[in-house]
C-alpha atoms as a PDB file:
ATOM      1  CA  MET A   1       8.675  46.869  82.231  1.00  0.00           C
ATOM      2  CA  PHE A   2       9.972  50.356  81.395  1.00  0.00           C
ATOM      3  CA  VAL A   3      12.431  48.844  78.914  1.00  0.00           C
ATOM      4  CA  ILE A   4       9.659  46.870  77.151  1.00  0.00           C
ATOM      5  CA  LYS A   5       7.420  49.949  76.840  1.00  0.00           C
ATOM      6  CA  LYS A   6      10.298  51.904  75.363  1.00  0.00           C
ATOM      7  CA  MET A   7      10.990  49.159  72.794  1.00  0.00           C
ATOM      8  CA  ILE A   8       7.323  49.105  71.704  1.00  0.00           C
ATOM      9  CA  LYS A   9       7.281  52.922  71.413  1.00  0.00           C
ATOM     10  CA  ASN A  10      10.431  52.905  69.272  1.00  0.00           C
ATOM     11  CA  LEU A  11       8.944  50.155  67.062  1.00  0.00           C
ATOM     12  CA  LEU A  12       5.742  52.085  66.455  1.00  0.00           C
ATOM     13  CA  THR A  13       7.725  55.268  65.798  1.00  0.00           C
ATOM     14  CA  GLY A  14       9.737  53.422  63.162  1.00  0.00           C
ATOM     15  CA  PHE A  15       6.581  52.180  61.402  1.00  0.00           C
ATOM     16  CA  SER A  16       4.650  55.458  61.554  1.00  0.00           C
ATOM     17  CA  PRO A  17       6.042  56.901  58.273  1.00  0.00           C
ATOM     18  CA  MET A  18       5.127  53.671  56.475  1.00  0.00           C
ATOM     19  CA  LEU A  19       1.577  53.721  57.851  1.00  0.00           C
ATOM     20  CA  LYS A  20       0.981  57.051  56.109  1.00  0.00           C
ATOM     21  CA  LYS A  21       1.285  55.280  52.728  1.00  0.00           C
ATOM     22  CA  ARG A  22      -2.267  54.529  51.508  1.00  0.00           C
ATOM     23  CA  TRP A  23      -1.361  51.278  49.763  1.00  0.00           C
ATOM     24  CA  LEU A  24       0.329  49.658  52.758  1.00  0.00           C
ATOM     25  CA  ILE A  25      -2.675  48.876  54.955  1.00  0.00           C
ATOM     26  CA  PRO A  26      -4.693  47.185  52.162  1.00  0.00           C
ATOM     27  CA  ALA A  27      -1.581  45.196  51.231  1.00  0.00           C
ATOM     28  CA  LEU A  28      -1.117  44.044  54.807  1.00  0.00           C
ATOM     29  CA  LEU A  29      -4.778  43.071  55.086  1.00  0.00           C
ATOM     30  CA  LEU A  30      -4.539  41.107  51.833  1.00  0.00           C
ATOM     31  CA  ALA A  31      -1.443  39.274  53.076  1.00  0.00           C
ATOM     32  CA  VAL A  32      -3.193  38.375  56.334  1.00  0.00           C
ATOM     33  CA  LEU A  33      -6.216  37.121  54.366  1.00  0.00           C
ATOM     34  CA  ILE A  34      -4.043  34.948  52.111  1.00  0.00           C
ATOM     35  CA  ILE A  35      -2.255  33.447  55.127  1.00  0.00           C
ATOM     36  CA  PHE A  36      -5.580  32.783  56.839  1.00  0.00           C
ATOM     37  CA  ILE A  37      -7.046  31.047  53.775  1.00  0.00           C
ATOM     38  CA  PHE A  38      -3.903  28.916  53.372  1.00  0.00           C
ATOM     39  CA  PHE A  39      -3.961  27.601  56.918  1.00  0.00           C
ATOM     40  CA  ALA A  40      -7.730  27.132  56.897  1.00  0.00           C
ATOM     41  CA  THR A  41      -7.480  25.119  53.684  1.00  0.00           C
ATOM     42  CA  GLN A  42      -4.652  22.994  55.052  1.00  0.00           C
ATOM     43  CA  HIS A  43      -6.646  22.258  58.172  1.00  0.00           C
ATOM     44  CA  LYS A  44      -9.749  21.409  56.175  1.00  0.00           C
ATOM     45  CA  PHE A  45      -8.173  18.960  53.757  1.00  0.00           C
ATOM     46  CA  SER A  46      -5.363  17.428  55.821  1.00  0.00           C
ATOM     47  CA  PRO A  47      -6.441  14.013  57.119  1.00  0.00           C
ATOM     48  CA  ALA A  48      -6.850  13.695  60.861  1.00  0.00           C
ATOM     49  CA  ALA A  49      -4.141  11.736  62.603  1.00  0.00           C
ATOM     50  CA  ILE A  50      -5.090   8.039  62.681  1.00  0.00           C
ATOM     51  CA  SER A  51      -4.708   6.140  65.916  1.00  0.00           C
ATOM     52  CA  TYR A  52      -5.176   2.360  65.906  1.00  0.00           C
ATOM     53  CA  THR A  53      -5.244  -0.020  68.842  1.00  0.00           C
ATOM     54  CA  PRO A  54      -5.727  -3.643  67.773  1.00  0.00           C
ATOM     55  CA  ILE A  55      -8.179  -5.819  69.660  1.00  0.00           C
ATOM     56  CA  ASN A  56      -6.451  -8.063  72.165  1.00  0.00           C
ATOM     57  CA  PRO A  57      -6.083 -11.345  70.224  1.00  0.00           C
ATOM     58  CA  ASP A  58      -6.399 -13.335  73.463  1.00  0.00           C
ATOM     59  CA  VAL A  59     -10.084 -12.426  73.757  1.00  0.00           C
ATOM     60  CA  ALA A  60     -11.050 -11.731  70.141  1.00  0.00           C
ATOM     61  CA  HIS A  61     -13.783 -13.801  68.490  1.00  0.00           C
ATOM     62  CA  GLU A  62     -12.288 -13.103  65.064  1.00  0.00           C
ATOM     63  CA  ILE A  63      -8.633 -12.915  64.046  1.00  0.00           C
ATOM     64  CA  ASN A  64      -7.403 -10.979  61.013  1.00  0.00           C
ATOM     65  CA  PHE A  65      -3.813 -11.052  59.821  1.00  0.00           C
ATOM     66  CA  PHE A  66      -1.547 -10.567  56.807  1.00  0.00           C
ATOM     67  CA  ALA A  67       1.236 -12.875  55.622  1.00  0.00           C
ATOM     68  CA  LEU A  68       4.038 -12.503  53.098  1.00  0.00           C
ATOM     69  CA  GLY A  69       7.527 -13.817  52.526  1.00  0.00           C
ATOM     70  CA  ASP A  70      10.725 -13.212  50.582  1.00  0.00           C
ATOM     71  CA  GLN A  71      10.346  -9.510  51.190  1.00  0.00           C
ATOM     72  CA  GLY A  72      13.618  -8.308  52.733  1.00  0.00           C
ATOM     73  CA  THR A  73      15.142  -6.096  50.060  1.00  0.00           C
ATOM     74  CA  GLY A  74      14.538  -2.570  51.353  1.00  0.00           C
ATOM     75  CA  GLU A  75      13.802  -1.577  47.752  1.00  0.00           C
ATOM     76  CA  GLY A  76      10.838  -0.264  45.790  1.00  0.00           C
ATOM     77  CA  ASP A  77       8.789  -3.438  45.372  1.00  0.00           C
ATOM     78  CA  GLN A  78       8.930  -4.236  49.078  1.00  0.00           C
ATOM     79  CA  MET A  79       7.970  -0.642  49.893  1.00  0.00           C
ATOM     80  CA  GLU A  80       5.038  -0.786  47.484  1.00  0.00           C
ATOM     81  CA  VAL A  81       3.693  -3.989  49.030  1.00  0.00           C
ATOM     82  CA  ALA A  82       4.076  -2.455  52.494  1.00  0.00           C
ATOM     83  CA  ARG A  83       2.059   0.603  51.430  1.00  0.00           C
ATOM     84  CA  ALA A  84      -0.647  -1.694  50.079  1.00  0.00           C
ATOM     85  CA  MET A  85      -0.746  -3.553  53.398  1.00  0.00           C
ATOM     86  CA  GLU A  86      -1.264  -0.287  55.272  1.00  0.00           C
ATOM     87  CA  GLN A  87      -4.021   0.753  52.837  1.00  0.00           C
ATOM     88  CA  VAL A  88      -5.912  -2.535  53.250  1.00  0.00           C
ATOM     89  CA  ALA A  89      -5.456  -2.407  57.032  1.00  0.00           C
ATOM     90  CA  GLU A  90      -6.864   1.123  57.115  1.00  0.00           C
ATOM     91  CA  ARG A  91      -9.761   0.047  54.910  1.00  0.00           C
ATOM     92  CA  ASN A  92     -10.652  -2.988  57.043  1.00  0.00           C
ATOM     93  CA  LYS A  93      -9.723  -1.561  60.460  1.00  0.00           C
ATOM     94  CA  ASN A  94      -9.295  -4.980  62.076  1.00  0.00           C
ATOM     95  CA  LEU A  95      -5.658  -6.064  61.695  1.00  0.00           C
ATOM     96  CA  ASN A  96      -4.299  -8.148  64.592  1.00  0.00           C
ATOM     97  CA  PHE A  97      -0.801  -9.056  63.385  1.00  0.00           C
ATOM     98  CA  VAL A  98       1.468  -9.780  60.410  1.00  0.00           C
ATOM     99  CA  ILE A  99       3.418 -12.959  59.628  1.00  0.00           C
ATOM    100  CA  LEU A 100       6.758 -12.794  57.806  1.00  0.00           C
ATOM    101  CA  LEU A 101       7.343 -16.093  56.026  1.00  0.00           C
ATOM    102  CA  GLY A 102      11.137 -15.998  55.854  1.00  0.00           C
ATOM    103  CA  ASP A 103      13.898 -14.529  53.702  1.00  0.00           C
ATOM    104  CA  ASN A 104      13.517 -11.422  55.794  1.00  0.00           C
ATOM    105  CA  PHE A 105      16.935 -10.019  54.829  1.00  0.00           C
ATOM    106  CA  TYR A 106      18.711 -10.224  51.494  1.00  0.00           C
ATOM    107  CA  ILE A 107      22.192  -8.992  52.415  1.00  0.00           C
ATOM    108  CA  ASP A 108      25.716 -10.098  51.519  1.00  0.00           C
ATOM    109  CA  GLU A 109      27.216 -10.072  55.009  1.00  0.00           C
ATOM    110  CA  PRO A 110      26.449 -11.637  58.396  1.00  0.00           C
ATOM    111  CA  LEU A 111      23.460 -10.111  60.158  1.00  0.00           C
ATOM    112  CA  THR A 112      23.777  -8.757  63.708  1.00  0.00           C
ATOM    113  CA  VAL A 113      21.272  -7.039  65.980  1.00  0.00           C
ATOM    114  CA  LYS A 114      22.977  -3.743  65.112  1.00  0.00           C
ATOM    115  CA  SER A 115      22.959  -4.181  61.319  1.00  0.00           C
ATOM    116  CA  PRO A 116      21.514  -1.273  59.281  1.00  0.00           C
ATOM    117  CA  ALA A 117      19.324  -3.877  57.561  1.00  0.00           C
ATOM    118  CA  TRP A 118      16.887  -3.817  60.477  1.00  0.00           C
ATOM    119  CA  LYS A 119      15.894  -0.251  59.664  1.00  0.00           C
ATOM    120  CA  LYS A 120      16.199  -0.491  55.898  1.00  0.00           C
ATOM    121  CA  MET A 121      14.344  -3.785  55.442  1.00  0.00           C
ATOM    122  CA  PHE A 122      11.928  -3.834  58.373  1.00  0.00           C
ATOM    123  CA  GLU A 123      11.547  -0.909  60.770  1.00  0.00           C
ATOM    124  CA  GLU A 124      11.349   1.824  58.113  1.00  0.00           C
ATOM    125  CA  VAL A 125       9.373  -0.259  55.604  1.00  0.00           C
ATOM    126  CA  TYR A 126       6.336  -1.427  57.558  1.00  0.00           C
ATOM    127  CA  THR A 127       5.097   1.901  58.829  1.00  0.00           C
ATOM    128  CA  GLY A 128       1.793   3.683  59.243  1.00  0.00           C
ATOM    129  CA  ALA A 129      -0.815   3.819  61.985  1.00  0.00           C
ATOM    130  CA  TYR A 130      -1.827   0.178  61.510  1.00  0.00           C
ATOM    131  CA  LEU A 131       1.451  -1.588  60.726  1.00  0.00           C
ATOM    132  CA  ASN A 132       3.181   0.314  63.529  1.00  0.00           C
ATOM    133  CA  ALA A 133       0.577  -0.901  66.019  1.00  0.00           C
ATOM    134  CA  VAL A 134       0.681  -4.658  65.454  1.00  0.00           C
ATOM    135  CA  PRO A 135       3.255  -7.392  66.144  1.00  0.00           C
ATOM    136  CA  PHE A 136       5.135  -9.160  63.338  1.00  0.00           C
ATOM    137  CA  TYR A 137       5.720 -12.897  63.836  1.00  0.00           C
ATOM    138  CA  ALA A 138       8.660 -14.136  61.766  1.00  0.00           C
ATOM    139  CA  ILE A 139      10.349 -17.386  60.767  1.00  0.00           C
ATOM    140  CA  LEU A 140      13.714 -18.172  59.223  1.00  0.00           C
ATOM    141  CA  GLY A 141      14.045 -18.572  55.457  1.00  0.00           C
ATOM    142  CA  ASN A 142      16.979 -20.106  53.637  1.00  0.00           C
ATOM    143  CA  HIS A 143      18.562 -16.661  53.113  1.00  0.00           C
ATOM    144  CA  ASP A 144      18.148 -15.888  56.823  1.00  0.00           C
ATOM    145  CA  ASP A 145      19.783 -19.180  57.700  1.00  0.00           C
ATOM    146  CA  ASP A 146      22.815 -18.206  55.618  1.00  0.00           C
ATOM    147  CA  LEU A 147      23.209 -14.940  57.585  1.00  0.00           C
ATOM    148  CA  HIS A 148      24.060 -16.602  60.890  1.00  0.00           C
ATOM    149  CA  SER A 149      27.250 -14.942  62.109  1.00  0.00           C
ATOM    150  CA  GLY A 150      28.420 -17.953  64.105  1.00  0.00           C
ATOM    151  CA  SER A 151      27.064 -16.830  67.470  1.00  0.00           C
ATOM    152  CA  LYS A 152      25.116 -19.275  69.624  1.00  0.00           C
ATOM    153  CA  ILE A 153      21.822 -17.609  68.859  1.00  0.00           C
ATOM    154  CA  HIS A 154      20.564 -16.444  65.460  1.00  0.00           C
ATOM    155  CA  PRO A 155      20.493 -12.605  65.322  1.00  0.00           C
ATOM    156  CA  GLU A 156      16.816 -12.558  64.315  1.00  0.00           C
ATOM    157  CA  ILE A 157      15.964 -14.515  67.465  1.00  0.00           C
ATOM    158  CA  GLU A 158      18.275 -12.338  69.558  1.00  0.00           C
ATOM    159  CA  TYR A 159      16.623  -9.182  68.162  1.00  0.00           C
ATOM    160  CA  SER A 160      13.289 -10.523  69.353  1.00  0.00           C
ATOM    161  CA  ARG A 161      14.441 -11.614  72.801  1.00  0.00           C
ATOM    162  CA  LYS A 162      16.091  -8.284  73.505  1.00  0.00           C
ATOM    163  CA  ALA A 163      13.005  -6.413  72.250  1.00  0.00           C
ATOM    164  CA  LEU A 164      15.137  -4.115  70.128  1.00  0.00           C
ATOM    165  CA  GLY A 165      13.945  -1.551  67.594  1.00  0.00           C
ATOM    166  CA  SER A 166      10.221  -0.884  67.593  1.00  0.00           C
ATOM    167  CA  LYS A 167       9.616  -4.093  69.594  1.00  0.00           C
ATOM    168  CA  ARG A 168       7.270  -5.322  66.867  1.00  0.00           C
ATOM    169  CA  TRP A 169       9.579  -8.165  65.832  1.00  0.00           C
ATOM    170  CA  HIS A 170       8.682 -11.570  67.342  1.00  0.00           C
ATOM    171  CA  MET A 171      10.785 -14.687  66.833  1.00  0.00           C
ATOM    172  CA  PRO A 172      11.304 -16.218  70.277  1.00  0.00           C
ATOM    173  CA  ASP A 173      12.981 -19.314  68.824  1.00  0.00           C
ATOM    174  CA  SER A 174      13.563 -21.142  65.554  1.00  0.00           C
ATOM    175  CA  TYR A 175      10.224 -22.903  66.111  1.00  0.00           C
ATOM    176  CA  TYR A 176       7.407 -21.862  68.436  1.00  0.00           C
ATOM    177  CA  HIS A 177       3.619 -21.531  68.671  1.00  0.00           C
ATOM    178  CA  TYR A 178       0.925 -19.061  69.684  1.00  0.00           C
ATOM    179  CA  ASP A 179      -2.812 -19.266  70.281  1.00  0.00           C
ATOM    180  CA  PHE A 180      -5.040 -16.464  69.013  1.00  0.00           C
ATOM    181  CA  GLY A 181      -8.673 -15.694  69.727  1.00  0.00           C
ATOM    182  CA  ILE A 182     -11.277 -17.611  71.668  1.00  0.00           C
ATOM    183  CA  ALA A 183     -14.401 -19.570  70.728  1.00  0.00           C
ATOM    184  CA  ASN A 184     -16.579 -21.320  73.336  1.00  0.00           C
ATOM    185  CA  GLY A 185     -13.680 -21.521  75.756  1.00  0.00           C
ATOM    186  CA  ARG A 186     -11.250 -22.926  73.163  1.00  0.00           C
ATOM    187  CA  PRO A 187      -8.429 -21.196  71.295  1.00  0.00           C
ATOM    188  CA  LEU A 188      -9.777 -19.981  67.969  1.00  0.00           C
ATOM    189  CA  LEU A 189      -6.513 -20.388  66.055  1.00  0.00           C
ATOM    190  CA  ARG A 190      -3.263 -22.163  66.912  1.00  0.00           C
ATOM    191  CA  LEU A 191      -0.249 -21.348  64.749  1.00  0.00           C
ATOM    192  CA  VAL A 192       2.870 -23.497  64.925  1.00  0.00           C
ATOM    193  CA  PHE A 193       5.898 -21.744  63.405  1.00  0.00           C
ATOM    194  CA  ILE A 194       8.633 -24.113  62.204  1.00  0.00           C
ATOM    195  CA  ASP A 195      12.147 -23.955  60.771  1.00  0.00           C
ATOM    196  CA  THR A 196      12.153 -25.734  57.419  1.00  0.00           C
ATOM    197  CA  ASN A 197      15.875 -25.139  56.861  1.00  0.00           C
ATOM    198  CA  VAL A 198      16.851 -28.201  58.884  1.00  0.00           C
ATOM    199  CA  PRO A 199      17.663 -31.469  57.043  1.00  0.00           C
ATOM    200  CA  ALA A 200      15.349 -34.454  57.257  1.00  0.00           C
ATOM    201  CA  ASP A 201      17.499 -36.250  59.850  1.00  0.00           C
ATOM    202  CA  LYS A 202      17.079 -33.307  62.248  1.00  0.00           C
ATOM    203  CA  LEU A 203      13.415 -32.603  61.595  1.00  0.00           C
ATOM    204  CA  GLN A 204      11.970 -35.184  63.973  1.00  0.00           C
ATOM    205  CA  VAL A 205      12.136 -32.841  66.958  1.00  0.00           C
ATOM    206  CA  GLN A 206       9.840 -30.401  65.169  1.00  0.00           C
ATOM    207  CA  VAL A 207       7.512 -33.191  64.023  1.00  0.00           C
ATOM    208  CA  ASP A 208       7.223 -34.177  67.685  1.00  0.00           C
ATOM    209  CA  TYR A 209       6.525 -30.528  68.524  1.00  0.00           C
ATOM    210  CA  ILE A 210       3.712 -30.420  65.941  1.00  0.00           C
ATOM    211  CA  ARG A 211       2.226 -33.601  67.405  1.00  0.00           C
ATOM    212  CA  LYS A 212       2.459 -32.188  70.920  1.00  0.00           C
ATOM    213  CA  GLN A 213       0.646 -28.957  70.047  1.00  0.00           C
ATOM    214  CA  PHE A 214      -2.033 -30.448  67.818  1.00  0.00           C
ATOM    215  CA  MET A 215      -2.592 -33.989  69.124  1.00  0.00           C
ATOM    216  CA  GLU A 216      -1.372 -34.282  72.716  1.00  0.00           C
ATOM    217  CA  ASN A 217      -2.451 -30.856  73.970  1.00  0.00           C
ATOM    218  CA  PRO A 218      -5.758 -31.374  75.840  1.00  0.00           C
ATOM    219  CA  VAL A 219      -6.930 -27.877  74.829  1.00  0.00           C
ATOM    220  CA  GLN A 220      -7.688 -28.199  71.126  1.00  0.00           C
ATOM    221  CA  PRO A 221      -8.110 -25.109  68.908  1.00  0.00           C
ATOM    222  CA  VAL A 222     -10.921 -24.559  66.415  1.00  0.00           C
ATOM    223  CA  TRP A 223      -8.417 -24.005  63.567  1.00  0.00           C
ATOM    224  CA  LYS A 224      -4.939 -25.474  63.173  1.00  0.00           C
ATOM    225  CA  ALA A 225      -2.163 -24.086  60.968  1.00  0.00           C
ATOM    226  CA  ILE A 226       1.568 -24.445  60.416  1.00  0.00           C
ATOM    227  CA  ILE A 227       3.851 -21.639  59.236  1.00  0.00           C
ATOM    228  CA  GLY A 228       7.015 -22.589  57.353  1.00  0.00           C
ATOM    229  CA  HIS A 229       9.261 -20.926  54.811  1.00  0.00           C
ATOM    230  CA  HIS A 230       9.667 -23.642  52.182  1.00  0.00           C
ATOM    231  CA  THR A 231       6.821 -24.815  50.012  1.00  0.00           C
ATOM    232  CA  LEU A 232       5.818 -28.425  50.551  1.00  0.00           C
ATOM    233  CA  ARG A 233       3.719 -28.389  47.407  1.00  0.00           C
ATOM    234  CA  SER A 234       4.186 -25.828  44.650  1.00  0.00           C
ATOM    235  CA  TYR A 235       3.649 -25.289  40.947  1.00  0.00           C
ATOM    236  CA  GLY A 236       6.275 -22.568  40.632  1.00  0.00           C
ATOM    237  CA  LYS A 237      10.054 -22.473  40.369  1.00  0.00           C
ATOM    238  CA  HIS A 238      10.656 -24.295  43.658  1.00  0.00           C
ATOM    239  CA  TYR A 239       8.217 -27.154  43.091  1.00  0.00           C
ATOM    240  CA  ALA A 240      10.916 -29.758  43.825  1.00  0.00           C
ATOM    241  CA  ASP A 241      12.622 -28.042  46.780  1.00  0.00           C
ATOM    242  CA  LYS A 242      12.696 -29.752  50.186  1.00  0.00           C
ATOM    243  CA  SER A 243      11.522 -33.023  48.690  1.00  0.00           C
ATOM    244  CA  ASP A 244      13.453 -34.708  51.507  1.00  0.00           C
ATOM    245  CA  VAL A 245      11.392 -33.165  54.318  1.00  0.00           C
ATOM    246  CA  ALA A 246       8.044 -32.619  52.586  1.00  0.00           C
ATOM    247  CA  PRO A 247       6.701 -36.199  53.012  1.00  0.00           C
ATOM    248  CA  MET A 248       7.575 -36.154  56.701  1.00  0.00           C
ATOM    249  CA  LEU A 249       5.853 -32.827  57.364  1.00  0.00           C
ATOM    250  CA  ILE A 250       2.828 -33.613  55.199  1.00  0.00           C
ATOM    251  CA  ALA A 251       2.305 -36.898  57.052  1.00  0.00           C
ATOM    252  CA  ALA A 252       2.516 -35.100  60.396  1.00  0.00           C
ATOM    253  CA  MET A 253      -0.015 -32.472  59.270  1.00  0.00           C
ATOM    254  CA  LYS A 254      -2.422 -35.094  57.954  1.00  0.00           C
ATOM    255  CA  ASN A 255      -2.274 -37.023  61.236  1.00  0.00           C
ATOM    256  CA  ALA A 256      -2.912 -33.838  63.222  1.00  0.00           C
ATOM    257  CA  ASN A 257      -5.743 -32.637  60.928  1.00  0.00           C
ATOM    258  CA  VAL A 258      -3.958 -29.353  60.230  1.00  0.00           C
ATOM    259  CA  ASP A 259      -6.205 -27.017  58.245  1.00  0.00           C
ATOM    260  CA  PHE A 260      -3.641 -25.018  56.313  1.00  0.00           C
ATOM    261  CA  TYR A 261       0.087 -24.647  55.709  1.00  0.00           C
ATOM    262  CA  LEU A 262       1.313 -21.118  55.010  1.00  0.00           C
ATOM    263  CA  SER A 263       4.679 -20.589  53.292  1.00  0.00           C
ATOM    264  CA  GLY A 264       6.820 -18.389  51.073  1.00  0.00           C
ATOM    265  CA  HIS A 265       9.990 -19.387  49.151  1.00  0.00           C
ATOM    266  CA  ASP A 266       8.347 -19.495  45.716  1.00  0.00           C
ATOM    267  CA  HIS A 267       8.205 -15.854  44.604  1.00  0.00           C
ATOM    268  CA  ASN A 268       4.551 -15.766  43.616  1.00  0.00           C
ATOM    269  CA  GLN A 269       1.089 -16.345  45.075  1.00  0.00           C
ATOM    270  CA  GLN A 270      -0.549 -19.794  45.077  1.00  0.00           C
ATOM    271  CA  LEU A 271      -3.474 -21.654  46.582  1.00  0.00           C
ATOM    272  CA  ILE A 272      -3.217 -25.438  46.381  1.00  0.00           C
ATOM    273  CA  VAL A 273      -6.033 -27.696  47.540  1.00  0.00           C
ATOM    274  CA  LYS A 274      -5.417 -31.434  47.640  1.00  0.00           C
ATOM    275  CA  ASP A 275      -7.857 -33.899  49.147  1.00  0.00           C
ATOM    276  CA  LYS A 276      -6.935 -35.342  52.563  1.00  0.00           C
ATOM    277  CA  GLU A 277      -4.185 -32.729  53.041  1.00  0.00           C
ATOM    278  CA  PRO A 278      -4.062 -29.222  54.515  1.00  0.00           C
ATOM    279  CA  VAL A 279      -4.684 -26.274  52.224  1.00  0.00           C
ATOM    280  CA  TYR A 280      -1.369 -24.869  50.954  1.00  0.00           C
ATOM    281  CA  ILE A 281      -1.170 -21.070  50.865  1.00  0.00           C
ATOM    282  CA  VAL A 282       1.956 -19.617  49.236  1.00  0.00           C
ATOM    283  CA  ASP A 283       2.976 -15.965  49.301  1.00  0.00           C
ATOM    284  CA  GLY A 284       6.620 -15.358  48.482  1.00  0.00           C
ATOM    285  CA  ALA A 285       5.650 -12.143  46.709  1.00  0.00           C
ATOM    286  CA  GLY A 286       6.759  -9.655  49.344  1.00  0.00           C
ATOM    287  CA  GLY A 287       9.346  -7.752  47.301  1.00  0.00           C
ATOM    288  CA  ARG A 288      12.060  -9.951  45.790  1.00  0.00           C
ATOM    289  CA  LYS A 289      12.099 -10.748  42.060  1.00  0.00           C
ATOM    290  CA  LEU A 290       9.231 -12.954  40.896  1.00  0.00           C
ATOM    291  CA  SER A 291       9.136 -16.511  39.547  1.00  0.00           C
ATOM    292  CA  ALA A 292       6.743 -17.974  37.017  1.00  0.00           C
ATOM    293  CA  GLN A 293       4.442 -20.971  37.030  1.00  0.00           C
ATOM    294  CA  LYS A 294       6.207 -24.203  36.035  1.00  0.00           C
ATOM    295  CA  ALA A 295       3.414 -26.769  36.121  1.00  0.00           C
ATOM    296  CA  SER A 296      -0.366 -27.066  36.341  1.00  0.00           C
ATOM    297  CA  SER A 297      -2.800 -29.282  38.204  1.00  0.00           C
ATOM    298  CA  LYS A 298      -6.442 -29.498  39.181  1.00  0.00           C
ATOM    299  CA  ASP A 299      -5.173 -28.983  42.742  1.00  0.00           C
ATOM    300  CA  LEU A 300      -3.930 -25.492  41.843  1.00  0.00           C
ATOM    301  CA  ARG A 301      -6.840 -23.166  42.558  1.00  0.00           C
ATOM    302  CA  PHE A 302      -4.941 -19.906  42.122  1.00  0.00           C
ATOM    303  CA  PHE A 303      -1.555 -18.796  40.789  1.00  0.00           C
ATOM    304  CA  ARG A 304      -0.298 -15.269  40.283  1.00  0.00           C
ATOM    305  CA  GLU A 305       3.154 -14.074  39.280  1.00  0.00           C
ATOM    306  CA  GLY A 306       3.021 -10.665  40.911  1.00  0.00           C
ATOM    307  CA  PHE A 307       3.941  -8.821  44.092  1.00  0.00           C
ATOM    308  CA  GLY A 308       1.487  -8.799  46.971  1.00  0.00           C
ATOM    309  CA  PHE A 309       0.408 -10.378  50.236  1.00  0.00           C
ATOM    310  CA  VAL A 310      -2.326 -12.610  51.616  1.00  0.00           C
ATOM    311  CA  GLY A 311      -4.921 -11.622  54.187  1.00  0.00           C
ATOM    312  CA  LEU A 312      -6.592 -14.232  56.377  1.00  0.00           C
ATOM    313  CA  SER A 313      -9.683 -13.809  58.525  1.00  0.00           C
ATOM    314  CA  VAL A 314     -10.843 -16.562  60.848  1.00  0.00           C
ATOM    315  CA  ASN A 315     -13.743 -17.005  63.246  1.00  0.00           C
ATOM    316  CA  ALA A 316     -15.530 -20.034  64.684  1.00  0.00           C
ATOM    317  CA  ALA A 317     -17.597 -20.477  61.515  1.00  0.00           C
ATOM    318  CA  LYS A 318     -15.229 -19.858  58.609  1.00  0.00           C
ATOM    319  CA  LEU A 319     -11.786 -19.003  57.279  1.00  0.00           C
ATOM    320  CA  ASN A 320     -11.358 -16.440  54.494  1.00  0.00           C
ATOM    321  CA  ILE A 321      -8.226 -16.372  52.321  1.00  0.00           C
ATOM    322  CA  ASP A 322      -7.781 -13.155  50.323  1.00  0.00           C
ATOM    323  CA  PHE A 323      -4.849 -12.455  48.019  1.00  0.00           C
ATOM    324  CA  TYR A 324      -3.941  -8.801  47.393  1.00  0.00           C
ATOM    325  CA  ASN A 325      -1.659  -7.181  44.833  1.00  0.00           C
ATOM    326  CA  SER A 326       0.795  -4.355  45.460  1.00  0.00           C
ATOM    327  CA  GLY A 327      -1.933  -1.854  44.577  1.00  0.00           C
ATOM    328  CA  ALA A 328      -4.066  -2.974  47.557  1.00  0.00           C
ATOM    329  CA  ALA A 329      -6.624  -4.639  45.264  1.00  0.00           C
ATOM    330  CA  LYS A 330      -8.050  -8.064  46.093  1.00  0.00           C
ATOM    331  CA  VAL A 331      -7.170 -10.467  43.268  1.00  0.00           C
ATOM    332  CA  ALA A 332      -8.560 -13.758  44.621  1.00  0.00           C
ATOM    333  CA  SER A 333     -10.780 -14.803  47.507  1.00  0.00           C
ATOM    334  CA  HIS A 334     -11.648 -18.228  48.935  1.00  0.00           C
ATOM    335  CA  GLU A 335     -13.611 -19.427  51.955  1.00  0.00           C
ATOM    336  CA  ILE A 336     -13.579 -22.568  54.097  1.00  0.00           C
ATOM    337  CA  ASP A 337     -16.617 -23.392  56.222  1.00  0.00           C
ATOM    338  CA  ARG A 338     -15.696 -24.881  59.596  1.00  0.00           C
ATOM    339  CA  SER A 339     -18.678 -27.220  59.484  1.00  0.00           C
ATOM    340  CA  CYS A 340     -17.100 -28.870  56.448  1.00  0.00           C
ATOM    341  CA  MET A 341     -14.905 -31.845  57.277  1.00  0.00           C
ATOM    342  CA  SER A 342     -11.221 -30.940  57.626  1.00  0.00           C
ATOM    343  CA  GLN A 343      -8.856 -31.816  54.741  1.00  0.00           C
ATOM    344  CA  ARG A 344     -11.568 -32.141  52.118  1.00  0.00           C
ATOM    345  CA  ALA A 345     -10.835 -30.312  48.873  1.00  0.00           C
ATOM    346  CA  SER A 346     -14.519 -29.567  48.361  1.00  0.00           C
ATOM    347  CA  CYS A 347     -14.499 -27.425  51.537  1.00  0.00           C
ATOM    348  CA  VAL A 348     -12.586 -24.627  49.772  1.00  0.00           C
ATOM    349  CA  LYS A 349     -14.990 -22.345  47.877  1.00  0.00           C
ATOM    350  CA  GLU A 350     -14.020 -19.530  45.514  1.00  0.00           C
ATOM    351  CA  MET A 351     -15.737 -16.269  46.411  1.00  0.00           C
ATOM    352  CA  ASN A 352     -16.457 -13.097  44.461  1.00  0.00           C
ATOM    353  CA  LYS A 353     -13.601 -10.612  44.978  1.00  0.00           C
END
């Protein structure tokens, strides 16, 4: 204590000659005032920290999610779309999860669970209070399929099973399903995620899986959807891709009364509505270079060659399909009333954006 008192006395003694200068005290007071105003201003205008906890999708009566594919570049366009997703999520305040529609990594070497690509193309891209709080459900695209390093399990599946990184990444297998929401004791939405990279002669096991979840399961959901990477119908660059498996999958979806098929692969945004078939929603606009429209049809309700994502909102009464650009603006909006008979083209109504 004696030592501390002596130090304070010496400090004051050192400052005493300076305190005799008339200009010093006003200068010190002015400096204190400037510092006070600076911190007060920062506090006033800095946004409060946002904390978001999504509603448990197991008990929710409405499910809201984003979907996009062909995004895994780690470059500016992917980052811009990610920022737009966070902006829309903050605006709506109801995001439950995000679906990645394949081609999650565009790299020139085999992917492993320790690859830098996880941070560059996923973990450090989809950030913010909302995107950090929700799970991402992913499927394999054709570029992901090419990245298999030869191990027994695909690294994107292994990354999920080991709950690595931020633990947001979910791909428990190459095909799987989840139920979301509840309506009158039934699942509100059942999503079946499939691997469209397999050839036609090996697809039957997944067709059987679709039948099991949508036809043989005694607990039937209000809405049925399938998530795959490749387009089964398209009016863009890849309109003819997977022509070997498309008839098989379309027949299975028609038999099961699937409401919509969500895919990427074509690097654009499309909404295709064909009578007696599920609604085809395409968003391969997540960040890779874009592809133009190659054909037209009365079935094509919307086409956009631009980066962006699709937002879907579903409850017991209706399904909303909203396309967004990379500036977080809604560019197209459609609605399906649940009371309308499934697989009827007239059920899909264009809404004001």
